[in-house]
Amino acid sequence: MRIPLRALGVTVASAALLTVGLTPAMAADGHVYSRVLTYPSGGTSGGESDADLNFTGARSVTYNNWTINDTCPGDGYRVIGRARALLTNGAYAYGTWHEDEGTCESADWGPYSNLELNTSTNIVKAGVEICVDLGSSNKCSTSYRDNPHT
């Protein structure tokens, strides 16, 4: 039986497209960056956090090269950050709060690597939450990456 060359080409191209179609989901590991400003009216004081995320399964993510930075000019408020993940049941999982201790002139918290967030429920997406601690409340911002395992 002879297979026409054109049919073989369509089959190969279709298989290639299916393989490429899986690539974006596998590329979900990577960098996240989040910034929060102390004052909504402008200025640069506040905080920022960034990390490289590596999803190691449906229920776990590892944070690498993670930093938290209090940005200048100094506003007198501390900056805190933590790992945060949205779970398939709609709830959130959180890591421990970390602080950039000192002023905006001090060194960043980190970089830290191999910090894991493990949950008992599948993770839809994970990221970093950065907050300015205003005393009576926190002003926060969060950035996420999708989990390719869910």
C-alpha atoms as a PDB file:
ATOM      1  CA  MET A   1       0.000   0.000   0.000  1.00  0.00           C
ATOM      2  CA  ARG A   2       1.352   3.342  -1.015  1.00  0.00           C
ATOM      3  CA  ILE A   3       0.843   6.409   1.218  1.00  0.00           C
ATOM      4  CA  PRO A   4       0.698   9.650  -0.732  1.00  0.00           C
ATOM      5  CA  LEU A   5       3.483  12.055   0.214  1.00  0.00           C
ATOM      6  CA  ARG A   6       0.965  14.863   0.831  1.00  0.00           C
ATOM      7  CA  ALA A   7      -0.965  12.742   3.413  1.00  0.00           C
ATOM      8  CA  LEU A   8       2.287  11.869   5.180  1.00  0.00           C
ATOM      9  CA  GLY A   9       3.206  15.577   5.336  1.00  0.00           C
ATOM     10  CA  VAL A  10      -0.175  16.464   6.882  1.00  0.00           C
ATOM     11  CA  THR A  11       0.231  13.704   9.472  1.00  0.00           C
ATOM     12  CA  VAL A  12       3.740  14.855  10.445  1.00  0.00           C
ATOM     13  CA  ALA A  13       2.645  18.505  10.600  1.00  0.00           C
ATOM     14  CA  SER A  14      -0.362  17.616  12.781  1.00  0.00           C
ATOM     15  CA  ALA A  15       1.840  15.654  15.178  1.00  0.00           C
ATOM     16  CA  ALA A  16       4.259  18.587  15.367  1.00  0.00           C
ATOM     17  CA  LEU A  17       1.422  21.000  16.183  1.00  0.00           C
ATOM     18  CA  LEU A  18       0.184  18.731  18.970  1.00  0.00           C
ATOM     19  CA  THR A  19       3.674  18.628  20.457  1.00  0.00           C
ATOM     20  CA  VAL A  20       4.085  22.412  20.210  1.00  0.00           C
ATOM     21  CA  GLY A  21       0.635  22.833  21.748  1.00  0.00           C
ATOM     22  CA  LEU A  22       1.912  21.191  24.940  1.00  0.00           C
ATOM     23  CA  THR A  23       4.943  23.461  25.209  1.00  0.00           C
ATOM     24  CA  PRO A  24       3.275  26.630  26.604  1.00  0.00           C
ATOM     25  CA  ALA A  25       1.888  24.747  29.615  1.00  0.00           C
ATOM     26  CA  MET A  26       5.311  23.305  30.336  1.00  0.00           C
ATOM     27  CA  ALA A  27       6.802  26.810  30.119  1.00  0.00           C
ATOM     28  CA  ALA A  28       4.799  28.032  33.166  1.00  0.00           C
ATOM     29  CA  ASP A  29       7.885  27.757  35.394  1.00  0.00           C
ATOM     30  CA  GLY A  30       9.715  31.048  35.509  1.00  0.00           C
ATOM     31  CA  HIS A  31      10.075  34.504  36.984  1.00  0.00           C
ATOM     32  CA  VAL A  32       7.448  36.494  38.921  1.00  0.00           C
ATOM     33  CA  TYR A  33       7.737  40.134  40.011  1.00  0.00           C
ATOM     34  CA  SER A  34       5.373  42.151  42.169  1.00  0.00           C
ATOM     35  CA  ARG A  35       5.545  45.779  43.343  1.00  0.00           C
ATOM     36  CA  VAL A  36       3.423  47.731  45.806  1.00  0.00           C
ATOM     37  CA  LEU A  37       3.537  51.489  46.346  1.00  0.00           C
ATOM     38  CA  THR A  38       2.882  52.986  49.774  1.00  0.00           C
ATOM     39  CA  TYR A  39       0.998  56.000  48.486  1.00  0.00           C
ATOM     40  CA  PRO A  40      -1.562  55.800  45.666  1.00  0.00           C
ATOM     41  CA  SER A  41      -0.878  59.405  44.639  1.00  0.00           C
ATOM     42  CA  GLY A  42       2.590  58.634  43.315  1.00  0.00           C
ATOM     43  CA  GLY A  43       6.153  58.281  44.460  1.00  0.00           C
ATOM     44  CA  THR A  44       8.380  55.250  44.495  1.00  0.00           C
ATOM     45  CA  SER A  45       8.317  54.241  48.174  1.00  0.00           C
ATOM     46  CA  GLY A  46       6.925  50.815  48.915  1.00  0.00           C
ATOM     47  CA  GLY A  47       8.309  47.375  48.203  1.00  0.00           C
ATOM     48  CA  GLU A  48       9.014  44.783  45.558  1.00  0.00           C
ATOM     49  CA  SER A  49       9.566  41.064  45.441  1.00  0.00           C
ATOM     50  CA  ASP A  50      10.651  38.645  42.766  1.00  0.00           C
ATOM     51  CA  ALA A  51      11.418  34.945  42.504  1.00  0.00           C
ATOM     52  CA  ASP A  52      11.944  32.113  40.047  1.00  0.00           C
ATOM     53  CA  LEU A  53       9.221  29.482  40.449  1.00  0.00           C
ATOM     54  CA  ASN A  54       9.653  25.803  39.687  1.00  0.00           C
ATOM     55  CA  PHE A  55       6.451  23.771  39.881  1.00  0.00           C
ATOM     56  CA  THR A  56       7.532  20.314  40.997  1.00  0.00           C
ATOM     57  CA  GLY A  57       4.057  18.761  40.963  1.00  0.00           C
ATOM     58  CA  ALA A  58       0.348  19.482  41.221  1.00  0.00           C
ATOM     59  CA  ARG A  59       0.711  20.335  44.925  1.00  0.00           C
ATOM     60  CA  SER A  60       4.178  21.827  45.230  1.00  0.00           C
ATOM     61  CA  VAL A  61       6.262  24.744  44.014  1.00  0.00           C
ATOM     62  CA  THR A  62       9.863  25.714  44.782  1.00  0.00           C
ATOM     63  CA  TYR A  63      10.960  29.355  45.061  1.00  0.00           C
ATOM     64  CA  ASN A  64      14.486  30.207  43.894  1.00  0.00           C
ATOM     65  CA  ASN A  65      16.445  33.492  43.806  1.00  0.00           C
ATOM     66  CA  TRP A  66      13.680  35.039  45.927  1.00  0.00           C
ATOM     67  CA  THR A  67      14.183  38.596  47.186  1.00  0.00           C
ATOM     68  CA  ILE A  68      12.119  41.174  49.056  1.00  0.00           C
ATOM     69  CA  ASN A  69      13.163  44.820  48.867  1.00  0.00           C
ATOM     70  CA  ASP A  70      12.036  47.977  50.677  1.00  0.00           C
ATOM     71  CA  THR A  71      12.185  50.704  48.023  1.00  0.00           C
ATOM     72  CA  CYS A  72      13.213  54.327  48.511  1.00  0.00           C
ATOM     73  CA  PRO A  73      12.599  57.026  49.434  1.00  0.00           C
ATOM     74  CA  GLY A  74      11.958  55.737  52.943  1.00  0.00           C
ATOM     75  CA  ASP A  75       8.352  55.989  54.086  1.00  0.00           C
ATOM     76  CA  GLY A  76       8.863  54.626  57.614  1.00  0.00           C
ATOM     77  CA  TYR A  77       6.855  51.426  56.947  1.00  0.00           C
ATOM     78  CA  ARG A  78       8.212  47.899  56.905  1.00  0.00           C
ATOM     79  CA  VAL A  79       7.905  45.704  53.825  1.00  0.00           C
ATOM     80  CA  ILE A  80       6.865  42.060  54.136  1.00  0.00           C
ATOM     81  CA  GLY A  81       6.375  39.300  51.592  1.00  0.00           C
ATOM     82  CA  ARG A  82       5.293  35.675  51.371  1.00  0.00           C
ATOM     83  CA  ALA A  83       4.568  32.842  48.989  1.00  0.00           C
ATOM     84  CA  ARG A  84       0.919  32.638  47.931  1.00  0.00           C
ATOM     85  CA  ALA A  85      -0.958  30.022  45.885  1.00  0.00           C
ATOM     86  CA  LEU A  86      -4.516  29.712  44.593  1.00  0.00           C
ATOM     87  CA  LEU A  87      -5.827  26.179  45.101  1.00  0.00           C
ATOM     88  CA  THR A  88      -8.348  24.286  42.956  1.00  0.00           C
ATOM     89  CA  ASN A  89     -10.960  24.546  45.741  1.00  0.00           C
ATOM     90  CA  GLY A  90     -10.808  28.387  45.582  1.00  0.00           C
ATOM     91  CA  ALA A  91      -8.885  28.796  48.847  1.00  0.00           C
ATOM     92  CA  TYR A  92      -5.372  30.248  49.167  1.00  0.00           C
ATOM     93  CA  ALA A  93      -2.264  28.699  50.697  1.00  0.00           C
ATOM     94  CA  TYR A  94       0.384  30.958  52.193  1.00  0.00           C
ATOM     95  CA  GLY A  95       4.011  30.695  53.203  1.00  0.00           C
ATOM     96  CA  THR A  96       5.612  32.411  56.180  1.00  0.00           C
ATOM     97  CA  TRP A  97       5.928  36.201  56.178  1.00  0.00           C
ATOM     98  CA  HIS A  98       9.453  37.461  55.463  1.00  0.00           C
ATOM     99  CA  GLU A  99      10.674  41.008  56.048  1.00  0.00           C
ATOM    100  CA  ASP A 100      13.273  43.224  54.474  1.00  0.00           C
ATOM    101  CA  GLU A 101      14.626  44.299  57.835  1.00  0.00           C
ATOM    102  CA  GLY A 102      16.072  47.766  57.966  1.00  0.00           C
ATOM    103  CA  THR A 103      15.626  50.780  55.781  1.00  0.00           C
ATOM    104  CA  CYS A 104      15.536  51.222  52.035  1.00  0.00           C
ATOM    105  CA  GLU A 105      19.320  51.533  52.120  1.00  0.00           C
ATOM    106  CA  SER A 106      19.705  48.050  53.658  1.00  0.00           C
ATOM    107  CA  ALA A 107      20.348  44.904  51.666  1.00  0.00           C
ATOM    108  CA  ASP A 108      17.368  42.969  50.260  1.00  0.00           C
ATOM    109  CA  TRP A 109      15.943  39.971  52.086  1.00  0.00           C
ATOM    110  CA  GLY A 110      17.492  37.127  50.136  1.00  0.00           C
ATOM    111  CA  PRO A 111      18.184  35.908  47.605  1.00  0.00           C
ATOM    112  CA  TYR A 112      16.957  32.617  48.995  1.00  0.00           C
ATOM    113  CA  SER A 113      16.527  29.386  47.061  1.00  0.00           C
ATOM    114  CA  ASN A 114      14.946  25.978  47.522  1.00  0.00           C
ATOM    115  CA  LEU A 115      12.052  27.350  49.609  1.00  0.00           C
ATOM    116  CA  GLU A 116       9.057  25.086  49.040  1.00  0.00           C
ATOM    117  CA  LEU A 117       5.326  25.627  49.314  1.00  0.00           C
ATOM    118  CA  ASN A 118       3.557  22.272  49.592  1.00  0.00           C
ATOM    119  CA  THR A 119      -0.211  21.905  49.903  1.00  0.00           C
ATOM    120  CA  SER A 120      -2.753  19.123  50.392  1.00  0.00           C
ATOM    121  CA  THR A 121      -4.839  20.440  47.455  1.00  0.00           C
ATOM    122  CA  ASN A 122      -3.771  21.036  43.845  1.00  0.00           C
ATOM    123  CA  ILE A 123      -2.264  24.454  43.093  1.00  0.00           C
ATOM    124  CA  VAL A 124      -3.813  26.391  40.170  1.00  0.00           C
ATOM    125  CA  LYS A 125      -1.225  29.185  40.292  1.00  0.00           C
ATOM    126  CA  ALA A 126       1.480  30.412  42.663  1.00  0.00           C
ATOM    127  CA  GLY A 127       3.437  33.588  43.147  1.00  0.00           C
ATOM    128  CA  VAL A 128       4.756  36.240  45.510  1.00  0.00           C
ATOM    129  CA  GLU A 129       2.724  38.648  47.628  1.00  0.00           C
ATOM    130  CA  ILE A 130       4.468  41.869  48.696  1.00  0.00           C
ATOM    131  CA  CYS A 131       2.950  44.234  51.281  1.00  0.00           C
ATOM    132  CA  VAL A 132       3.616  47.528  52.994  1.00  0.00           C
ATOM    133  CA  ASP A 133       2.684  47.083  56.669  1.00  0.00           C
ATOM    134  CA  LEU A 134       0.741  50.278  57.456  1.00  0.00           C
ATOM    135  CA  GLY A 135       0.141  49.231  61.085  1.00  0.00           C
ATOM    136  CA  SER A 136      -3.632  48.799  61.069  1.00  0.00           C
ATOM    137  CA  SER A 137      -3.651  47.129  57.639  1.00  0.00           C
ATOM    138  CA  ASN A 138      -1.440  45.864  54.841  1.00  0.00           C
ATOM    139  CA  LYS A 139      -1.367  47.293  51.322  1.00  0.00           C
ATOM    140  CA  CYS A 140      -0.452  44.390  49.045  1.00  0.00           C
ATOM    141  CA  SER A 141       0.187  43.285  45.479  1.00  0.00           C
ATOM    142  CA  THR A 142       0.538  39.733  44.132  1.00  0.00           C
ATOM    143  CA  SER A 143       1.859  38.262  40.873  1.00  0.00           C
ATOM    144  CA  TYR A 144       1.334  34.653  39.791  1.00  0.00           C
ATOM    145  CA  ARG A 145       2.398  31.961  37.339  1.00  0.00           C
ATOM    146  CA  ASP A 146       0.115  29.100  36.257  1.00  0.00           C
ATOM    147  CA  ASN A 147       0.913  25.587  37.430  1.00  0.00           C
ATOM    148  CA  PRO A 148       1.491  23.343  34.392  1.00  0.00           C
ATOM    149  CA  HIS A 149       0.683  20.220  36.468  1.00  0.00           C
ATOM    150  CA  THR A 150      -2.998  21.152  37.050  1.00  0.00           C
END
